[in-house]
Amino acid sequence: MKALVTGGAGLIGSHLVDLLLEKGFQVKILDSLVEPTHLKGKPPWIPKEAEFILGDVRNMKDLDIALDGVDYVFHQAAEGGFMPEIAKYVHANCLGTANLIELIIKKHPVKKLVVASSQAVYGEGKYSCSEHGTINPDLRSVSQLSKKEWESKCPICNLDLIPLPTDENSNIGAETTYAISKYTQERLTIGLGKGYDIPTVALRYSVTYGPRQSIFNPYTGVCSIFSTRMLNGLPPIVYEDGRQTRDFIYVGDVAKANLAVAESDEATHQVFNVGTGKQTSVLSLIAALAKKYNLDIEPLMRNEFRPGEVRHLFADNSKLRSIGWKPEVILDEGVDKYVEWIKTQSDIKEYFSKAEEQLKKMKVVMNTN
């Protein structure tokens, strides 16, 4: 079998490439090596056994070459981050996926197309109110966050809500450009997959971390953003109070999820969460990293927040477990693997301080009153 991995030089894509080669696939990689993620060009982890194509999913000619003779497509290429670059996210994520599906329909039939989506499509996710039961609240307003009222509130009684694992049937709350673009990718993939009888799957990733997460991109990858500051003697910057929680999943488990749905007929035309099902606070992640680096360093909290950010979000992964997948790497082990890797990198610089000026200028980061 021959597989194409778009974005195959990146964090998730590169681990998926390794897994596919291990399973006996012939593998093509299509990657544009976009900066700042690939600031130094083609990374050293691209295996010589894979065919590497420098190209862009927005370019039909590049895609046509990449799709030739392929049986499986794993579409990982995407633009992400918090900047208000609306056209860039829509162009890369939505047009890239549309191009891919159009060529599959017209010229390159495949056995399975697996597309990377995100937990961002849920917005604030699923909660419980002690008075009113299950609630899918709207994103917290700037007015609320400005008053340091961090927890999500029940829209009926205004009580603090209790976070619940978010399942695939939960309300879609995509409001940021990135989230909207990922949900659009999903609908193109599943809807057109059904309409043209293409076996398709969409995977909603939780916060993925691990070796090969770019140490050059100050806008995405919280593990690397914290680490590059800590390794340069600077405190990690934390928004809100640091008690917001996420579902941090190791990149190897995400790669295995892609293979699991590719090999499952039951997964066809379905959407799956890919997460551990466990909550971890931002402060807990920082503590885990500091312990591995043997550093005594306190995070810097300046009463700042990011509008559009969610408070608590973690996955109900039971649907993906039902087809035989399960997360295998716990956070402590995953952080260990990440730290071992980053220590092998030379000339680790800190890029976030400069980027933060732009974040504040564009009101991606704001101060409380």
Protein backbone atom coordinates (compact mmCIF):
# COMPACT_ATOMS: atom_id res chain seq x y z
CA MET A 1 0.00 0.00 0.00
CA LYS A 2 1.13 3.55 -0.72
CA ALA A 3 0.22 6.44 1.59
CA LEU A 4 0.45 10.21 1.26
CA VAL A 5 0.94 12.33 4.38
CA THR A 6 0.39 16.04 3.82
CA GLY A 7 2.27 18.08 6.39
CA GLY A 8 4.48 15.03 6.82
CA ALA A 9 7.44 17.07 8.08
CA GLY A 10 5.47 18.39 11.06
CA LEU A 11 4.88 17.11 14.57
CA ILE A 12 2.01 14.69 13.93
CA GLY A 13 2.72 14.07 10.26
CA SER A 14 6.33 12.99 10.80
CA HIS A 15 5.43 10.48 13.50
CA LEU A 16 2.69 9.14 11.26
CA VAL A 17 5.22 8.75 8.43
CA ASP A 18 7.47 6.70 10.73
CA LEU A 19 4.56 4.50 11.82
CA LEU A 20 3.42 3.87 8.24
CA LEU A 21 6.93 2.89 7.16
CA GLU A 22 7.16 0.58 10.15
CA LYS A 23 3.90 -1.08 9.02
CA GLY A 24 5.27 -1.66 5.52
CA PHE A 25 3.66 1.23 3.61
CA GLN A 26 5.37 3.11 0.83
CA VAL A 27 5.11 6.74 1.90
CA LYS A 28 4.99 10.10 0.15
CA ILE A 29 5.29 13.37 2.04
CA LEU A 30 3.90 16.67 0.76
CA ASP A 31 5.02 19.63 2.85
CA SER A 32 5.61 23.33 2.13
CA LEU A 33 8.07 23.68 5.05
CA VAL A 34 6.33 26.88 6.09
CA GLU A 35 8.10 29.30 8.42
CA PRO A 36 8.44 29.84 11.33
CA THR A 37 7.58 26.19 12.09
CA HIS A 38 10.35 24.98 9.76
CA LEU A 39 12.70 27.91 10.25
CA LYS A 40 15.75 25.88 9.22
CA GLY A 41 14.17 24.17 6.24
CA LYS A 42 13.78 20.43 5.78
CA PRO A 43 14.11 18.79 9.22
CA PRO A 44 16.57 15.94 9.82
CA TRP A 45 13.85 13.46 10.81
CA ILE A 46 12.50 13.09 7.26
CA PRO A 47 13.33 9.42 6.52
CA LYS A 48 15.22 8.61 3.34
CA GLU A 49 12.74 5.76 2.73
CA ALA A 50 9.94 8.28 2.15
CA GLU A 51 9.49 10.28 -1.04
CA PHE A 52 9.57 13.96 -0.10
CA ILE A 53 7.75 16.52 -2.26
CA LEU A 54 8.20 20.20 -1.48
CA GLY A 55 4.78 21.60 -2.29
CA ASP A 56 1.58 23.17 -1.04
CA VAL A 57 -1.92 21.69 -0.72
CA ARG A 58 -3.26 24.93 -2.17
CA ASN A 59 -1.45 24.19 -5.42
CA MET A 60 -3.32 21.71 -7.63
CA LYS A 61 -0.18 20.73 -9.55
CA ASP A 62 1.67 19.83 -6.35
CA LEU A 63 -1.30 17.81 -5.12
CA ASP A 64 -1.72 16.03 -8.44
CA ILE A 65 1.89 14.81 -8.30
CA ALA A 66 1.59 13.81 -4.65
CA LEU A 67 -1.67 11.85 -5.13
CA ASP A 68 -0.45 9.80 -8.08
CA GLY A 69 -0.65 6.09 -7.25
CA VAL A 70 -1.68 6.65 -3.62
CA ASP A 71 -4.06 4.32 -1.72
CA TYR A 72 -4.39 6.19 1.58
CA VAL A 73 -4.24 9.93 2.33
CA PHE A 74 -3.58 11.39 5.77
CA HIS A 75 -4.22 15.12 5.53
CA GLN A 76 -2.28 16.78 8.36
CA ALA A 77 -1.20 20.00 6.62
CA ALA A 78 -2.77 23.07 8.22
CA GLU A 79 -2.23 26.60 9.44
CA GLY A 80 -2.88 27.13 13.14
CA GLY A 81 -2.52 29.72 15.87
CA PHE A 82 -4.28 32.63 17.53
CA MET A 83 -3.46 35.55 15.25
CA PRO A 84 -6.42 37.18 13.45
CA GLU A 85 -5.10 36.06 10.06
CA ILE A 86 -8.51 35.08 8.80
CA ALA A 87 -7.73 34.71 5.11
CA LYS A 88 -4.58 32.65 5.76
CA TYR A 89 -6.34 30.05 7.93
CA VAL A 90 -9.32 29.74 5.60
CA HIS A 91 -7.15 29.61 2.48
CA ALA A 92 -4.76 26.95 3.79
CA ASN A 93 -7.19 24.77 5.71
CA CYS A 94 -10.39 24.99 3.68
CA LEU A 95 -9.05 25.46 0.15
CA GLY A 96 -6.33 22.87 0.74
CA THR A 97 -8.91 20.27 1.78
CA ALA A 98 -11.26 21.20 -1.07
CA ASN A 99 -8.43 20.80 -3.59
CA LEU A 100 -7.53 17.42 -2.16
CA ILE A 101 -11.07 16.07 -2.32
CA GLU A 102 -11.67 17.48 -5.79
CA LEU A 103 -8.62 15.68 -7.18
CA ILE A 104 -9.61 12.45 -5.44
CA ILE A 105 -13.06 12.66 -7.06
CA LYS A 106 -11.82 13.57 -10.52
CA LYS A 107 -8.59 11.66 -10.90
CA HIS A 108 -7.13 9.82 -7.90
CA PRO A 109 -9.54 7.44 -6.12
CA VAL A 110 -8.31 6.26 -2.71
CA LYS A 111 -9.15 3.57 -0.20
CA LYS A 112 -9.38 6.04 2.71
CA LEU A 113 -8.95 9.77 3.37
CA VAL A 114 -8.24 10.74 7.00
CA VAL A 115 -8.37 14.47 7.79
CA ALA A 116 -7.01 16.21 10.89
CA SER A 117 -9.57 18.34 12.71
CA SER A 118 -9.39 19.78 16.21
CA GLN A 119 -11.13 19.91 19.58
CA ALA A 120 -11.37 23.64 18.86
CA VAL A 121 -14.63 22.94 16.98
CA TYR A 122 -16.40 22.45 20.33
CA GLY A 123 -15.73 25.93 21.59
CA GLU A 124 -16.16 25.81 25.35
CA GLY A 125 -17.17 22.15 25.37
CA LYS A 126 -19.50 20.30 27.73
CA TYR A 127 -20.30 21.15 31.34
CA SER A 128 -22.73 20.36 34.13
CA CYS A 129 -24.72 22.80 36.25
CA SER A 130 -25.82 21.61 39.70
CA GLU A 131 -29.22 23.20 39.04
CA HIS A 132 -29.78 22.77 35.30
CA GLY A 133 -27.90 19.66 34.22
CA THR A 134 -25.79 19.42 31.06
CA ILE A 135 -24.84 22.77 29.55
CA ASN A 136 -22.88 23.74 26.44
CA PRO A 137 -22.01 27.35 27.32
CA ASP A 138 -20.89 30.05 24.94
CA LEU A 139 -17.31 31.22 25.05
CA ARG A 140 -16.62 33.53 27.98
CA SER A 141 -17.02 37.20 27.07
CA VAL A 142 -14.27 39.79 27.19
CA SER A 143 -16.36 41.59 29.81
CA GLN A 144 -16.34 38.52 32.06
CA LEU A 145 -12.64 37.83 31.59
CA SER A 146 -11.78 41.47 32.24
CA LYS A 147 -13.22 41.04 35.72
CA LYS A 148 -11.03 37.94 36.39
CA GLU A 149 -14.10 35.73 36.42
CA TRP A 150 -12.34 32.76 34.86
CA GLU A 151 -14.80 29.90 35.24
CA SER A 152 -17.58 29.27 32.75
CA LYS A 153 -21.00 30.19 34.12
CA CYS A 154 -24.42 28.65 33.69
CA PRO A 155 -26.32 30.93 31.28
CA ILE A 156 -29.50 30.35 33.31
CA CYS A 157 -28.46 30.75 36.97
CA ASN A 158 -24.88 32.08 36.64
CA LEU A 159 -23.39 29.37 38.87
CA ASP A 160 -19.91 28.06 38.10
CA LEU A 161 -20.08 25.02 35.85
CA ILE A 162 -18.39 21.65 36.32
CA PRO A 163 -16.46 20.45 33.24
CA LEU A 164 -17.46 17.14 31.66
CA PRO A 165 -15.69 15.06 29.01
CA THR A 166 -16.80 16.36 25.63
CA ASP A 167 -18.14 13.70 23.25
CA GLU A 168 -18.59 13.86 19.49
CA ASN A 169 -22.32 14.59 19.80
CA SER A 170 -21.70 17.72 21.86
CA ASN A 171 -22.68 21.08 20.42
CA ILE A 172 -20.35 22.67 17.90
CA GLY A 173 -19.19 26.02 19.24
CA ALA A 174 -16.63 27.02 16.63
CA GLU A 175 -16.21 30.80 16.81
CA THR A 176 -12.52 31.46 16.16
CA THR A 177 -11.26 31.49 12.58
CA TYR A 178 -9.11 28.43 13.20
CA ALA A 179 -12.02 26.48 14.71
CA ILE A 180 -14.35 27.46 11.87
CA SER A 181 -11.77 26.39 9.29
CA LYS A 182 -11.30 23.00 10.97
CA TYR A 183 -15.04 22.38 11.14
CA THR A 184 -15.31 23.32 7.47
CA GLN A 185 -12.62 20.73 6.72
CA GLU A 186 -14.69 18.15 8.60
CA ARG A 187 -17.88 18.88 6.72
CA LEU A 188 -16.13 18.84 3.34
CA THR A 189 -14.52 15.52 4.23
CA ILE A 190 -17.54 13.71 5.64
CA GLY A 191 -20.23 15.29 3.44
CA LEU A 192 -18.43 14.89 0.13
CA GLY A 193 -17.14 11.51 1.23
CA LYS A 194 -20.71 10.29 1.54
CA GLY A 195 -21.85 12.03 -1.63
CA TYR A 196 -19.08 10.62 -3.82
CA ASP A 197 -18.65 7.29 -2.01
CA ILE A 198 -15.14 8.09 -0.77
CA PRO A 199 -14.21 6.40 2.54
CA THR A 200 -13.42 9.40 4.75
CA VAL A 201 -12.79 10.06 8.46
CA ALA A 202 -12.16 13.22 10.50
CA LEU A 203 -10.17 13.22 13.74
CA ARG A 204 -10.62 15.92 16.38
CA TYR A 205 -7.22 16.16 18.06
CA SER A 206 -6.77 17.28 21.64
CA VAL A 207 -3.63 19.29 22.48
CA THR A 208 -0.83 17.25 20.94
CA TYR A 209 2.75 17.39 22.22
CA GLY A 210 5.97 15.43 21.87
CA PRO A 211 9.37 15.32 20.14
CA ARG A 212 9.63 17.38 16.92
CA GLN A 213 7.20 20.04 18.11
CA SER A 214 8.66 23.17 16.54
CA ILE A 215 10.93 25.17 18.83
CA PHE A 216 10.85 28.08 16.39
CA ASN A 217 7.11 28.86 16.25
CA PRO A 218 6.09 31.17 19.11
CA TYR A 219 2.40 31.03 18.20
CA THR A 220 1.63 27.30 18.53
CA GLY A 221 2.83 24.41 20.68
CA VAL A 222 2.53 25.22 24.37
CA CYS A 223 5.11 22.58 25.40
CA SER A 224 7.78 24.18 23.22
CA ILE A 225 6.78 27.75 24.07
CA PHE A 226 7.16 27.03 27.80
CA SER A 227 10.34 25.01 27.29
CA THR A 228 12.22 27.53 25.14
CA ARG A 229 11.61 30.19 27.78
CA MET A 230 12.57 27.95 30.69
CA LEU A 231 15.76 26.77 28.98
CA ASN A 232 16.73 30.42 28.47
CA GLY A 233 16.25 31.27 32.14
CA LEU A 234 12.88 32.95 31.61
CA PRO A 235 9.63 32.13 33.41
CA PRO A 236 6.80 30.66 31.33
CA ILE A 237 4.03 33.20 30.80
CA VAL A 238 0.61 32.02 31.94
CA TYR A 239 -2.73 33.57 31.09
CA GLU A 240 -5.70 33.73 33.48
CA ASP A 241 -4.77 31.87 36.70
CA GLY A 242 -3.12 28.80 35.16
CA ARG A 243 -5.86 26.49 36.44
CA GLN A 244 -7.50 26.16 33.03
CA THR A 245 -7.32 22.55 31.88
CA ARG A 246 -6.64 20.74 28.62
CA ASP A 247 -6.34 17.18 27.39
CA PHE A 248 -2.65 16.76 26.49
CA ILE A 249 -2.06 13.75 24.25
CA TYR A 250 1.27 12.31 23.16
CA VAL A 251 2.01 12.53 19.44
CA GLY A 252 2.68 8.80 19.07
CA ASP A 253 -0.84 8.01 20.25
CA VAL A 254 -2.25 10.47 17.72
CA ALA A 255 -0.32 8.78 14.91
CA LYS A 256 -1.73 5.41 15.97
CA ALA A 257 -5.25 6.85 15.95
CA ASN A 258 -4.80 7.78 12.28
CA LEU A 259 -3.78 4.25 11.39
CA ALA A 260 -6.61 2.75 13.47
CA VAL A 261 -9.34 4.64 11.59
CA ALA A 262 -7.65 4.06 8.24
CA GLU A 263 -7.82 0.30 8.79
CA SER A 264 -11.39 0.27 10.17
CA ASP A 265 -14.42 0.02 7.87
CA GLU A 266 -16.56 0.94 10.87
CA ALA A 267 -14.81 4.33 11.08
CA THR A 268 -15.81 5.40 7.57
CA HIS A 269 -17.74 8.70 7.42
CA GLN A 270 -17.33 9.15 11.18
CA VAL A 271 -15.78 11.85 13.36
CA PHE A 272 -13.64 10.81 16.35
CA ASN A 273 -12.12 12.57 19.34
CA VAL A 274 -8.43 11.81 19.85
CA GLY A 275 -7.53 12.51 23.47
CA THR A 276 -6.58 10.89 26.75
CA GLY A 277 -9.86 11.73 28.48
CA LYS A 278 -7.90 13.33 31.35
CA GLN A 279 -7.72 16.95 32.51
CA THR A 280 -4.36 18.60 33.12
CA SER A 281 -4.01 22.20 34.23
CA VAL A 282 -1.52 24.54 32.60
CA LEU A 283 0.25 24.92 35.95
CA SER A 284 0.57 21.13 36.22
CA LEU A 285 2.17 20.95 32.78
CA ILE A 286 4.67 23.66 33.75
CA ALA A 287 5.48 21.82 36.99
CA ALA A 288 6.09 18.59 35.08
CA LEU A 289 8.44 20.35 32.64
CA ALA A 290 10.31 22.20 35.41
CA LYS A 291 10.86 18.93 37.27
CA LYS A 292 12.33 17.25 34.18
CA TYR A 293 14.61 20.26 33.55
CA ASN A 294 15.56 20.33 37.25
CA LEU A 295 14.57 23.99 37.43
CA ASP A 296 13.07 25.97 40.29
CA ILE A 297 11.13 28.52 38.27
CA GLU A 298 7.79 30.17 38.92
CA PRO A 299 5.42 31.02 36.06
CA LEU A 300 4.73 34.66 35.34
CA MET A 301 1.06 35.64 35.67
CA ARG A 302 0.14 39.25 34.86
CA ASN A 303 -3.66 39.25 34.93
CA GLU A 304 -3.79 38.70 31.17
CA PHE A 305 -6.10 36.59 29.05
CA ARG A 306 -6.79 35.61 25.45
CA PRO A 307 -10.29 36.41 24.15
CA GLY A 308 -11.90 33.35 22.60
CA GLU A 309 -9.89 30.93 24.74
CA VAL A 310 -11.76 28.10 26.47
CA ARG A 311 -11.55 27.35 30.19
CA HIS A 312 -11.76 23.56 30.34
CA LEU A 313 -11.81 21.08 27.48
CA PHE A 314 -11.07 17.36 27.56
CA ALA A 315 -12.18 14.50 25.36
CA ASP A 316 -14.60 11.66 25.76
CA ASN A 317 -12.57 9.12 23.76
CA SER A 318 -14.92 6.14 24.13
CA LYS A 319 -15.95 6.18 20.46
CA LEU A 320 -12.37 5.76 19.25
CA ARG A 321 -11.70 3.14 21.92
CA SER A 322 -14.63 1.15 20.52
CA ILE A 323 -12.65 0.41 17.35
CA GLY A 324 -9.59 -0.79 19.26
CA TRP A 325 -7.51 2.35 19.88
CA LYS A 326 -6.46 3.58 23.31
CA PRO A 327 -3.93 6.15 24.57
CA GLU A 328 -0.77 4.45 25.80
CA VAL A 329 1.58 7.24 26.94
CA ILE A 330 0.76 9.05 30.18
CA LEU A 331 1.74 12.71 30.60
CA ASP A 332 4.80 12.06 32.77
CA GLU A 333 6.22 9.62 30.21
CA GLY A 334 5.37 11.89 27.30
CA VAL A 335 7.01 14.92 28.90
CA ASP A 336 10.06 12.74 29.58
CA LYS A 337 10.29 11.85 25.88
CA TYR A 338 9.86 15.49 24.87
CA VAL A 339 12.53 16.74 27.28
CA GLU A 340 15.00 14.06 26.14
CA TRP A 341 14.44 15.23 22.57
CA ILE A 342 14.69 18.98 23.11
CA LYS A 343 17.96 18.54 24.99
CA THR A 344 19.45 17.16 21.76
CA GLN A 345 18.59 20.37 19.90
CA SER A 346 21.33 22.97 19.49
CA ASP A 347 21.08 26.74 19.92
CA ILE A 348 17.63 26.81 21.54
CA LYS A 349 16.41 30.38 21.31
CA GLU A 350 13.40 32.11 22.83
CA TYR A 351 11.05 33.65 20.27
CA PHE A 352 7.94 34.27 22.37
CA SER A 353 8.94 37.63 23.88
CA LYS A 354 9.05 39.31 20.48
CA ALA A 355 5.91 37.53 19.31
CA GLU A 356 4.05 38.66 22.43
CA GLU A 357 4.39 42.28 21.36
CA GLN A 358 2.47 41.44 18.21
CA LEU A 359 -0.10 39.40 20.16
CA LYS A 360 -0.87 42.39 22.37
CA LYS A 361 -0.92 44.82 19.47
CA MET A 362 -3.50 42.64 17.68
CA LYS A 363 -5.48 42.22 20.96
CA VAL A 364 -4.91 38.47 20.93
CA VAL A 365 -3.72 39.02 24.52
CA MET A 366 -5.52 41.51 26.75
CA ASN A 367 -5.25 42.81 30.33
CA THR A 368 -7.90 42.60 33.01
CA ASN A 369 -9.40 45.81 34.37
